[in-house]
């Protein structure tokens, strides 16, 4: 029976599996947020150039807001992909992610 300390320490195998997927998800998130910022800035410049009223600008920005939510999905997918090989090996991913602060 593992002790409390042994259970809380993520093993090398778990960390080795999680790290590349987490790094990949972080990279995609940064790229996506950069793309979303450029897209929102581009729309703002175009709307300023054509002197579009504030009401229409608000509508456009609300339609573009889900781009930010997609960044959260990238993170979830990255950790979900990391969970697949761990499940196949019988490793409890949820407890390790919680203990490691991921």
Protein backbone atom coordinates (compact mmCIF):
# COMPACT_ATOMS: atom_id res chain seq x y z
CA UNK A 1 0.00 0.00 0.00
CA UNK A 2 1.59 3.34 -1.01
CA UNK A 3 2.11 5.92 1.68
CA UNK A 4 0.54 9.39 1.51
CA UNK A 5 3.83 10.92 0.33
CA UNK A 6 4.28 8.31 -2.41
CA UNK A 7 0.76 8.93 -3.68
CA UNK A 8 1.22 12.70 -3.82
CA UNK A 9 4.51 12.61 -5.73
CA UNK A 10 3.94 12.28 -9.49
CA UNK A 11 6.25 9.67 -10.95
CA UNK A 12 8.77 10.31 -13.69
CA UNK A 13 6.60 8.44 -16.19
CA UNK A 14 3.56 10.60 -15.44
CA UNK A 15 5.56 13.82 -15.69
CA UNK A 16 7.23 12.61 -18.88
CA UNK A 17 3.81 11.99 -20.45
CA UNK A 18 2.19 15.24 -19.30
CA UNK A 19 4.98 17.73 -20.09
CA UNK A 20 5.08 17.57 -23.92
CA UNK A 21 1.30 17.70 -24.23
CA UNK A 22 1.05 20.61 -21.78
CA UNK A 23 3.86 22.46 -23.62
CA UNK A 24 2.14 21.89 -26.97
CA UNK A 25 -1.18 23.12 -25.60
CA UNK A 26 0.55 26.21 -24.16
CA UNK A 27 2.24 26.97 -27.50
CA UNK A 28 -1.02 26.64 -29.43
CA UNK A 29 -2.76 28.82 -26.86
CA UNK A 30 -0.18 31.58 -27.23
CA UNK A 31 -0.38 31.39 -31.02
CA UNK A 32 -4.16 31.44 -30.93
CA UNK A 33 -4.31 34.40 -28.54
CA UNK A 34 -1.84 36.27 -30.75
CA UNK A 35 -4.00 35.50 -33.78
CA UNK A 36 -7.14 36.62 -31.94
CA UNK A 37 -5.43 39.87 -30.87
CA UNK A 38 -4.34 40.60 -34.44
CA UNK A 39 -7.79 39.77 -35.75
CA UNK A 40 -9.55 41.98 -33.20
CA UNK A 41 -7.07 44.80 -33.86
CA UNK A 42 -7.57 44.43 -37.61
CA UNK A 43 -11.33 44.60 -37.24
CA UNK A 44 -11.02 47.66 -35.01
CA UNK A 45 -8.82 49.43 -37.57
CA UNK A 46 -11.23 48.59 -40.40
CA UNK A 47 -14.23 49.73 -38.35
CA UNK A 48 -12.43 52.98 -37.50
CA UNK A 49 -11.46 53.52 -41.13
CA UNK A 50 -15.04 53.19 -42.35
CA UNK A 51 -16.44 55.18 -39.37
CA UNK A 52 -18.80 52.42 -38.28
CA UNK A 53 -21.11 53.35 -35.40
CA UNK A 54 -20.52 52.02 -31.88
CA UNK A 55 -23.59 49.77 -31.95
CA UNK A 56 -22.30 47.84 -34.97
CA UNK A 57 -18.80 47.69 -33.48
CA UNK A 58 -20.17 46.10 -30.34
CA UNK A 59 -21.94 43.45 -32.38
CA UNK A 60 -18.78 42.61 -34.30
CA UNK A 61 -16.71 42.34 -31.12
CA UNK A 62 -19.32 40.10 -29.48
CA UNK A 63 -19.19 37.82 -32.52
CA UNK A 64 -15.38 37.66 -32.24
CA UNK A 65 -15.36 37.02 -28.48
CA UNK A 66 -15.62 33.20 -28.81
CA UNK A 67 -12.06 33.26 -30.14
CA UNK A 68 -10.87 33.71 -26.58
CA UNK A 69 -12.95 30.73 -25.44
CA UNK A 70 -11.22 28.57 -28.03
CA UNK A 71 -7.94 29.18 -26.17
CA UNK A 72 -9.41 27.44 -23.13
CA UNK A 73 -10.44 24.53 -25.33
CA UNK A 74 -6.82 24.20 -26.56
CA UNK A 75 -5.70 23.77 -22.95
CA UNK A 76 -8.36 21.17 -22.24
CA UNK A 77 -7.53 19.21 -25.39
CA UNK A 78 -3.81 19.25 -24.57
CA UNK A 79 -4.41 17.75 -21.15
CA UNK A 80 -6.99 15.36 -22.54
CA UNK A 81 -4.49 14.04 -25.07
CA UNK A 82 -1.98 13.56 -22.26
CA UNK A 83 -4.56 11.53 -20.38
CA UNK A 84 -5.01 8.91 -23.11
CA UNK A 85 -1.64 7.13 -22.76
CA UNK A 86 -1.88 7.41 -18.99
CA UNK A 87 -5.29 5.73 -18.99
CA UNK A 88 -3.91 2.93 -21.14
CA UNK A 89 -1.16 2.38 -18.56
CA UNK A 90 -3.63 2.53 -15.66
CA UNK A 91 -2.31 5.81 -14.23
CA UNK A 92 -4.82 8.05 -12.43
CA UNK A 93 -4.38 11.31 -14.40
CA UNK A 94 -6.83 13.37 -12.34
CA UNK A 95 -5.01 12.89 -9.06
CA UNK A 96 -1.61 13.59 -10.62
CA UNK A 97 -2.76 16.76 -12.37
CA UNK A 98 -4.31 18.00 -9.14
CA UNK A 99 -1.24 17.19 -7.06
CA UNK A 100 1.16 18.69 -9.62
CA UNK A 101 -0.91 21.90 -9.85
CA UNK A 102 -1.71 21.51 -13.56
